[in-house]
Protein backbone atom coordinates (compact mmCIF):
# COMPACT_ATOMS: atom_id res chain seq x y z
CA MET A 1 96.71 126.81 116.22
CA LYS A 2 94.92 128.01 113.05
CA LYS A 3 97.44 126.16 110.87
CA LEU A 4 96.98 123.01 112.95
CA LEU A 5 93.19 123.15 112.68
CA LEU A 6 93.42 123.63 108.91
CA PHE A 7 95.69 120.58 108.74
CA LEU A 8 93.21 118.58 110.81
CA PHE A 9 90.28 119.69 108.70
CA PHE A 10 91.80 118.38 105.50
CA THR A 11 93.65 115.39 106.93
CA THR A 12 92.60 111.82 106.30
CA SER A 13 91.37 109.37 108.92
CA VAL A 14 93.47 108.24 111.82
CA PHE A 15 91.94 104.82 111.66
CA ALA A 16 89.91 103.93 108.62
CA GLU A 17 90.77 103.35 105.01
CA ALA A 18 89.22 105.74 102.53
CA ALA A 19 85.48 105.19 102.48
CA ASN A 20 82.90 105.83 99.78
CA ASP A 21 81.57 109.28 100.65
CA SER A 22 78.56 109.28 98.34
CA ILE A 23 75.12 110.28 99.65
CA PRO A 24 72.75 107.33 100.10
CA LYS A 25 69.41 107.92 98.37
CA LYS A 26 67.44 106.38 101.20
CA MET A 27 68.25 104.52 104.40
CA SER A 28 65.68 102.49 106.28
CA THR A 29 65.93 101.61 109.97
CA SER A 30 67.31 98.19 109.10
CA ASP A 31 69.92 99.80 106.86
CA LEU A 32 71.14 101.92 109.75
CA PHE A 33 72.96 98.99 111.30
CA SER A 34 73.44 95.89 109.19
CA ASP A 35 75.04 92.57 110.09
CA TYR A 36 78.06 93.76 108.11
CA ASP A 37 78.55 96.54 110.64
CA ILE A 38 78.96 94.10 113.52
CA VAL A 39 82.24 93.05 111.93
CA LEU A 40 83.66 96.46 112.92
CA ILE A 41 85.13 95.29 116.24
CA ASP A 42 84.44 91.57 115.86
CA SER A 43 87.81 90.78 114.30
CA LEU A 44 89.53 93.01 116.84
CA LEU A 45 87.94 91.06 119.67
CA MET A 46 89.12 87.80 118.09
CA ASP A 47 92.65 89.14 117.72
CA SER A 48 92.59 90.43 121.27
CA LYS A 49 91.57 87.04 122.57
CA TYR A 50 93.72 84.70 120.52
CA LYS A 51 96.80 86.80 119.76
CA SER A 52 97.36 88.44 123.13
CA PRO A 53 100.90 88.10 124.54
CA LEU A 54 99.20 87.08 127.77
CA TYR A 55 97.06 84.45 126.04
CA ASN A 56 98.07 81.63 128.35
CA THR A 57 97.79 83.59 131.57
CA LEU A 58 94.23 84.64 130.74
CA GLN A 59 93.28 80.93 130.61
CA TYR A 60 91.47 80.77 127.32
CA ARG A 61 90.15 77.47 126.04
CA MET A 62 91.40 76.57 122.57
CA ASP A 63 88.15 74.80 121.74
CA ASP A 64 86.44 78.22 121.85
CA MET A 65 88.03 78.83 118.45
CA ASP A 66 85.88 76.15 116.89
CA LYS A 67 82.42 77.08 118.05
CA GLU A 68 80.14 80.09 118.11
CA GLU A 69 78.58 80.66 121.52
CA VAL A 70 75.15 82.22 121.31
CA THR A 71 73.73 83.77 124.48
CA ASP A 72 70.06 84.40 125.10
CA VAL A 73 69.51 88.13 125.45
CA VAL A 74 67.02 89.26 128.08
CA LEU A 75 66.83 92.99 127.49
CA SER A 76 63.58 94.73 126.71
CA THR A 77 63.47 97.90 124.69
CA GLU A 78 61.94 99.79 127.62
CA VAL A 79 64.70 98.73 130.02
CA LEU A 80 67.34 99.65 127.44
CA LYS A 81 65.76 103.09 126.97
CA GLN A 82 65.85 103.69 130.72
CA ARG A 83 69.49 102.63 131.01
CA LEU A 84 70.60 104.72 128.04
CA ALA A 85 68.84 107.71 129.59
CA VAL A 86 70.84 107.19 132.79
CA ILE A 87 74.12 107.08 130.82
CA ASP A 88 73.07 110.10 128.77
CA ALA A 89 72.38 112.10 131.93
CA LYS A 90 75.92 111.67 133.22
CA THR A 91 77.96 112.09 130.03
CA PRO A 92 78.35 114.89 127.45
CA PHE A 93 77.74 112.35 124.68
CA HIS A 94 74.21 112.30 123.22
CA ILE A 95 73.24 108.71 123.94
CA ALA A 96 69.58 108.64 122.98
CA TYR A 97 67.75 105.41 122.22
CA ASN A 98 67.86 104.40 118.57
CA PRO A 99 66.84 101.09 116.94
CA ALA A 100 70.28 100.89 115.34
CA LEU A 101 71.96 101.15 118.72
CA GLU A 102 69.62 98.55 120.22
CA LYS A 103 70.51 96.16 117.42
CA VAL A 104 74.26 96.38 117.95
CA ILE A 105 73.99 96.10 121.76
CA LYS A 106 71.88 92.96 121.47
CA SER A 107 74.16 91.55 118.78
CA TYR A 108 77.20 91.94 121.02
CA LEU A 109 75.35 90.35 123.93
CA LYS A 110 74.10 87.47 121.82
CA TYR A 111 77.19 86.61 119.80
CA ARG A 112 80.22 88.21 121.46
CA LYS A 113 79.49 88.18 125.18
CA ARG A 114 82.27 85.66 125.85
CA TYR A 115 84.99 88.12 124.77
CA TYR A 116 84.17 90.84 127.26
CA PRO A 117 85.54 89.31 130.50
CA ALA A 118 89.05 89.25 128.96
CA LEU A 119 88.58 92.68 127.44
CA MET A 120 87.51 94.04 130.81
CA ALA A 121 90.59 92.48 132.39
CA LYS A 122 92.82 94.43 129.99
CA ALA A 123 90.73 97.52 130.66
CA SER A 124 91.62 97.27 134.35
CA TYR A 125 95.24 97.83 133.30
CA TYR A 126 94.80 100.57 130.70
CA PHE A 127 91.79 102.57 131.86
CA PRO A 128 93.39 104.25 134.91
CA MET A 129 96.16 105.60 132.68
CA PHE A 130 93.64 106.70 130.01
CA GLU A 131 91.52 108.48 132.62
CA LYS A 132 94.51 110.39 133.99
CA TYR A 133 95.27 112.02 130.63
CA LEU A 134 91.65 112.41 129.51
CA ASP A 135 91.07 114.38 132.69
CA GLN A 136 94.25 116.39 132.12
CA TYR A 137 93.02 117.42 128.66
CA ASP A 138 89.45 118.05 129.87
CA ILE A 139 88.02 115.24 127.73
CA PRO A 140 85.06 113.12 128.92
CA LEU A 141 86.40 110.08 130.75
CA GLU A 142 84.01 107.88 128.73
CA MET A 143 86.31 108.49 125.76
CA LYS A 144 88.41 105.64 127.17
CA TYR A 145 85.99 103.25 125.43
CA LEU A 146 87.20 104.59 122.09
CA ALA A 147 90.38 102.51 122.42
CA ILE A 148 88.25 99.37 122.61
CA VAL A 149 86.48 100.19 119.35
CA GLU A 150 89.79 101.17 117.75
CA SER A 151 92.00 98.27 118.80
CA ALA A 152 90.26 96.03 121.36
CA LEU A 153 93.01 97.29 123.71
CA ASN A 154 95.74 95.65 121.66
CA PRO A 155 98.76 98.03 121.67
CA THR A 156 100.31 96.34 118.63
CA ALA A 157 97.10 96.21 116.56
CA LYS A 158 97.60 97.21 112.93
CA SER A 159 94.84 97.81 110.39
CA ARG A 160 94.99 96.86 106.72
CA VAL A 161 96.01 100.42 105.85
CA GLY A 162 98.70 100.75 108.51
CA ALA A 163 96.86 102.44 111.40
CA THR A 164 98.71 101.24 114.48
CA GLY A 165 98.44 100.94 118.24
CA LEU A 166 95.78 101.31 120.93
CA TRP A 167 94.53 104.52 119.32
CA GLN A 168 95.17 103.47 115.69
CA PHE A 169 97.31 106.32 114.41
CA MET A 170 98.23 106.47 110.76
CA TYR A 171 101.88 107.43 110.23
CA PRO A 172 101.27 111.05 109.03
CA THR A 173 98.90 111.83 111.91
CA GLY A 174 101.32 110.23 114.35
CA VAL A 175 104.10 112.48 113.06
CA GLN A 176 101.82 115.52 113.49
CA TYR A 177 101.46 114.57 117.15
CA LYS A 178 105.15 113.77 117.63
CA LEU A 179 104.92 109.97 117.61
CA LYS A 180 108.18 108.72 116.10
CA VAL A 181 108.76 105.50 114.20
CA SER A 182 112.22 103.99 113.85
CA SER A 183 113.75 100.65 112.96
CA TYR A 184 113.46 99.64 116.64
CA VAL A 185 110.64 101.69 118.12
CA ASP A 186 107.10 102.58 117.05
CA GLU A 187 105.76 105.17 119.47
CA ARG A 188 102.25 104.66 118.11
CA GLN A 189 102.47 101.38 120.05
CA ASP A 190 103.62 103.13 123.22
CA PRO A 191 100.47 103.19 125.42
CA LEU A 192 101.48 106.35 127.29
CA LYS A 193 102.73 108.45 124.35
CA ALA A 194 99.91 107.35 122.06
CA THR A 195 97.32 108.16 124.73
CA ILE A 196 98.69 111.68 125.12
CA ALA A 197 98.68 112.11 121.32
CA ALA A 198 95.09 110.82 121.10
CA CYS A 199 94.02 113.30 123.79
CA GLN A 200 95.65 116.15 121.87
CA TYR A 201 93.98 115.10 118.63
CA LEU A 202 90.54 114.68 120.23
CA SER A 203 90.90 118.06 121.91
CA ASP A 204 91.69 119.65 118.53
CA LEU A 205 88.68 117.94 116.92
CA TYR A 206 86.42 119.23 119.68
CA THR A 207 87.76 122.73 119.02
CA ILE A 208 86.62 122.34 115.40
CA PHE A 209 83.14 120.87 116.00
CA GLY A 210 82.24 121.83 119.57
CA ASP A 211 80.55 118.44 120.04
CA TRP A 212 82.04 115.22 121.39
CA ASP A 213 79.92 112.91 119.23
CA LEU A 214 81.11 114.71 116.11
CA ALA A 215 84.70 114.73 117.39
CA LEU A 216 84.36 110.97 117.81
CA ALA A 217 83.09 110.55 114.24
CA ALA A 218 85.89 112.80 112.95
CA TYR A 219 88.50 110.70 114.76
CA ASN A 220 87.43 107.80 112.57
CA SER A 221 86.66 109.38 109.21
CA GLY A 222 88.59 112.64 109.34
CA PRO A 223 87.14 116.09 110.03
CA GLY A 224 86.60 116.77 106.33
CA ASN A 225 84.08 113.93 106.00
CA VAL A 226 82.16 115.10 109.07
CA ALA A 227 82.04 118.67 107.74
CA LYS A 228 80.69 117.37 104.41
CA ALA A 229 78.06 115.27 106.20
CA ILE A 230 76.91 118.34 108.15
CA LYS A 231 76.57 120.30 104.92
CA ARG A 232 74.75 117.50 103.08
CA SER A 233 72.32 117.01 105.95
CA GLY A 234 71.22 120.61 105.66
CA GLY A 235 73.32 121.90 108.52
CA TYR A 236 72.38 119.47 111.29
CA ARG A 237 75.03 119.01 113.97
CA ASN A 238 73.46 116.04 115.76
CA TYR A 239 75.24 112.75 115.04
CA TRP A 240 72.07 110.74 114.28
CA ASN A 241 70.90 113.41 111.83
CA ILE A 242 74.14 113.44 109.85
CA ARG A 243 74.74 109.68 110.12
CA PRO A 244 73.21 108.77 106.72
CA PHE A 245 75.70 111.13 105.06
CA LEU A 246 78.83 109.71 106.73
CA PRO A 247 81.08 107.00 105.27
CA ARG A 248 79.60 103.61 106.10
CA GLU A 249 82.32 102.63 108.53
CA THR A 250 81.89 105.82 110.53
CA ALA A 251 78.11 105.33 110.54
CA SER A 252 78.83 102.02 112.31
CA TYR A 253 81.65 103.32 114.46
CA VAL A 254 79.84 105.68 116.83
CA PRO A 255 77.07 103.16 117.69
CA ALA A 256 79.83 100.62 118.39
CA PHE A 257 81.32 103.14 120.82
CA TYR A 258 77.95 103.71 122.52
CA ALA A 259 77.31 99.96 122.71
CA THR A 260 80.72 99.35 124.28
CA MET A 261 80.04 102.08 126.83
CA TYR A 262 76.69 100.49 127.66
CA LEU A 263 78.17 97.00 128.17
CA PHE A 264 80.87 98.31 130.50
CA GLU A 265 78.43 100.49 132.45
CA TYR A 266 75.93 97.65 132.87
CA GLN A 267 78.30 94.71 133.07
CA LYS A 268 76.83 93.36 136.33
CA GLU A 269 73.29 93.41 134.95
CA HIS A 270 74.48 91.23 132.04
CA GLN A 271 76.60 88.91 134.20
CA LEU A 272 79.84 90.11 132.62
CA VAL A 273 82.48 89.23 135.20
CA PRO A 274 85.96 90.59 134.34
CA GLU A 275 88.81 88.11 134.45
CA LYS A 276 91.63 88.98 136.81
CA PHE A 277 94.59 90.60 135.10
CA GLN A 278 97.99 89.72 136.48
CA ILE A 279 99.21 93.29 136.89
CA ARG A 280 97.85 96.83 137.33
CA HIS A 281 99.34 99.95 135.79
CA PHE A 282 100.23 101.43 139.20
CA GLU A 283 102.25 98.29 139.93
CA THR A 284 104.80 99.14 137.21
CA ASP A 285 107.83 101.41 137.04
CA THR A 286 110.35 102.50 134.40
CA ILE A 287 114.15 102.30 134.34
CA GLN A 288 116.43 104.11 131.88
CA ILE A 289 118.70 101.69 130.03
CA LYS A 290 122.40 102.39 129.54
CA LYS A 291 123.23 99.89 126.78
CA THR A 292 121.34 97.98 124.12
CA ILE A 293 119.62 94.97 125.70
CA SER A 294 116.95 92.47 124.69
CA PHE A 295 113.84 91.21 126.42
CA ASP A 296 115.38 87.71 126.42
CA GLN A 297 118.40 88.95 128.34
CA ILE A 298 116.27 90.83 130.87
CA SER A 299 114.12 87.75 131.41
CA GLU A 300 117.14 85.48 131.82
CA ILE A 301 118.86 87.67 134.41
CA THR A 302 115.84 88.89 136.40
CA GLY A 303 113.48 85.94 136.02
CA ILE A 304 110.64 88.18 134.80
CA ASN A 305 108.28 86.40 132.41
CA PHE A 306 109.25 87.22 128.79
CA GLU A 307 105.62 87.65 127.68
CA LEU A 308 104.98 90.07 130.53
CA ILE A 309 107.99 92.16 129.45
CA GLN A 310 106.55 92.16 125.91
CA PHE A 311 103.15 93.26 127.15
CA LEU A 312 104.57 96.10 129.25
CA ASN A 313 106.83 97.33 126.43
CA PRO A 314 104.88 97.01 123.15
CA SER A 315 106.63 99.91 121.38
CA PHE A 316 109.90 97.95 120.97
CA LYS A 317 109.26 96.11 117.71
CA LEU A 318 112.23 93.74 117.80
CA ASP A 319 112.04 92.92 121.53
CA VAL A 320 115.24 94.95 121.82
CA ILE A 321 115.71 98.27 123.64
CA PRO A 322 118.30 100.27 121.70
CA PHE A 323 120.81 102.59 123.29
CA VAL A 324 121.10 105.64 121.03
CA LYS A 325 123.19 108.67 121.86
CA GLY A 326 120.98 111.68 122.46
CA LYS A 327 117.86 109.57 123.06
CA GLU A 328 116.55 108.07 126.26
CA TYR A 329 114.78 104.73 126.24
CA ALA A 330 113.34 103.10 129.32
CA ILE A 331 112.10 99.63 130.16
CA THR A 332 108.78 99.22 131.96
CA LEU A 333 108.84 96.46 134.56
CA PRO A 334 106.73 95.27 137.49
CA ARG A 335 107.65 97.51 140.41
CA LYS A 336 108.43 94.47 142.54
CA ASN A 337 111.16 93.48 140.04
CA THR A 338 112.90 96.83 139.59
CA LEU A 339 115.31 96.19 142.48
CA SER A 340 116.32 92.87 140.91
CA PHE A 341 117.02 94.67 137.62
CA LEU A 342 119.15 97.34 139.30
CA GLU A 343 121.09 94.82 141.40
CA ASN A 344 121.86 92.74 138.30
CA GLU A 345 122.32 95.61 135.84
CA GLU A 346 126.06 95.06 135.27
CA ALA A 347 125.53 91.32 134.77
CA LEU A 348 122.77 92.13 132.31
CA TYR A 349 124.96 94.41 130.20
CA ALA A 350 127.78 91.85 130.36
CA LEU A 351 125.40 89.20 129.00
CA ALA A 352 124.31 91.59 126.24
CA LYS A 353 127.95 92.19 125.27
CA LYS A 354 128.66 88.45 125.26
CA ASP A 355 125.61 87.71 123.10
CA ALA A 356 126.57 90.49 120.67
CA ALA A 357 130.02 88.96 120.21
CA LYS A 358 128.48 85.57 119.34
CA ARG A 359 125.84 86.98 116.99
CA GLU A 360 126.43 86.08 113.34
CA LYS A 361 124.54 89.14 112.07
CA PRO A 362 124.68 92.52 113.80
CA LEU A 363 121.47 94.10 115.00
CA PRO A 364 119.84 96.45 112.46
CA LYS A 365 121.08 100.01 112.34
CA TYR A 366 118.87 102.52 114.16
CA PHE A 367 117.09 105.07 112.00
CA GLU A 368 113.83 107.03 112.08
CA LEU A 369 111.26 107.31 109.33
CA GLY A 370 111.40 110.62 107.48
CA LYS A 371 114.87 111.50 108.75
CA ARG A 372 117.91 111.39 106.50
CA ILE A 373 120.10 108.31 106.48
CA ARG A 374 123.24 107.57 104.50
CA TYR A 375 123.06 104.37 102.46
CA LYS A 376 126.08 102.61 100.98
CA VAL A 377 125.40 101.07 97.56
CA ARG A 378 126.07 97.33 97.44
CA SER A 379 126.66 94.89 94.63
CA GLY A 380 123.36 94.18 92.86
CA ASP A 381 121.74 97.45 93.93
CA PHE A 382 119.88 99.67 91.49
CA LEU A 383 117.71 102.73 92.08
CA GLY A 384 114.38 100.90 91.78
CA LYS A 385 115.44 98.25 94.28
CA ILE A 386 116.70 100.82 96.79
CA ALA A 387 113.58 102.97 96.34
CA ASN A 388 111.30 99.99 96.98
CA ARG A 389 113.27 98.96 100.04
CA PHE A 390 112.83 102.34 101.71
CA GLY A 391 109.34 103.15 100.40
CA VAL A 392 110.38 106.12 98.25
CA ARG A 393 110.34 107.01 94.54
CA VAL A 394 113.26 106.76 92.12
CA ARG A 395 112.85 110.41 91.19
CA ASP A 396 113.17 111.33 94.88
CA LEU A 397 116.44 109.41 95.12
CA LYS A 398 117.73 111.27 92.09
CA ARG A 399 116.66 114.65 93.45
CA TRP A 400 118.09 114.08 96.93
CA ASN A 401 121.42 112.99 95.48
CA ARG A 402 121.53 115.21 92.37
CA LEU A 403 121.82 112.18 90.10
CA LYS A 404 121.57 112.92 86.38
CA THR A 405 121.50 109.23 85.40
CA SER A 406 120.38 105.98 87.02
CA ARG A 407 123.91 104.62 87.17
CA LEU A 408 125.27 103.62 90.56
CA ARG A 409 128.65 102.35 91.67
CA VAL A 410 129.38 99.96 94.52
CA GLY A 411 130.39 101.92 97.61
CA GLN A 412 128.59 105.09 96.52
CA ARG A 413 126.81 106.91 99.38
CA LEU A 414 123.20 107.98 98.94
CA SER A 415 121.09 110.29 101.09
CA ILE A 416 117.64 108.78 101.72
CA TYR A 417 114.60 109.95 103.70
CA PRO A 418 112.94 106.55 104.32
CA LYS A 419 109.16 106.13 104.35
CA LYS A 420 109.21 102.55 105.59
CA ILE A 421 111.41 100.36 107.76
CA ALA A 422 113.84 98.24 105.74
CA LEU A 423 115.26 95.56 108.00
CA PRO A 424 117.80 93.00 106.82
CA LYS A 425 116.44 89.52 106.19
CA ALA A 426 117.12 86.96 108.87
């Protein structure tokens, strides 16, 4: 455990790109939460609304894209203080009134209120599963709102720096928590596995700081930045006291979390009516697959909507479930359709075999990031090209294969430990 905590202390953020960690000379109340900060989850909400696999079924209007809806906000400071006090009394988070928090809550209500009914619909699917594992790891159930700030509940969300999934794991942190990435599967996009990993990480952060607000900040900026902010503040361990010394994104991040919690807790008071989602998590089941099959083939044989299969199985990057010896992959389906799958299983595998025979190009070879593969040198290959393809350095290729020169011959076999997925061009 000590080694793990040391790793966590010096690790980089799960979510954010490296931020400027300099100490601001002075921060006024208006500086505490600027209009820039509102962008934190704004783009995520847009992506969630307009890029969702279930876009059509959630009945969005395309003309919404072309106009900004502004809602009048009827929320006095006194009423907000009372409501925040109620939330604070029933959660281990320190949700005290702050002008910065009031600003972001009112900004969301004024400019982004229209996104929340769809977001709340997705929450009805994910939150029961989140709560199960948060409870199992003795984490406050309110931590479920973190996934909204991280990804707007989009399991395939990817940040500019590569943080991926509902809980926005960077690749190294994902590896630390046993989330594997291969040419077919990214377990950071697996809602169940990523949720368990997030619970483990949050639990470890709480062990370091002994405070859930600080664990929340560390999830975003990394525990090292939070420790530095504590030191620069003169030893304070209250989030609002160390906030001026945190990277700017993290200074915005925790209020965004509090604001999201407030909007969900007081949705009725703000006339936020969740849309109806077409499926609940308890209405799904999993089936182990016995041969490589695609979502298209499953949809064709069983009649299950293709986009629904995509939504329920976001970790399969190519819409294909690989069959790999020694590994078990399962398909998640609506429970009402599992019997249809089992009754038509042989026909499904027969269709997969038939489609494979007609395919001009074979499906990509299965491999996992960081694990050794054997690569056969082709005509036109050179070390720089191969290194770029697999995200490694030329000197690493030479070291792994004991090459004294850069010369290669066609047909030569190279050992490579890939750092990125290199799929053949279509």
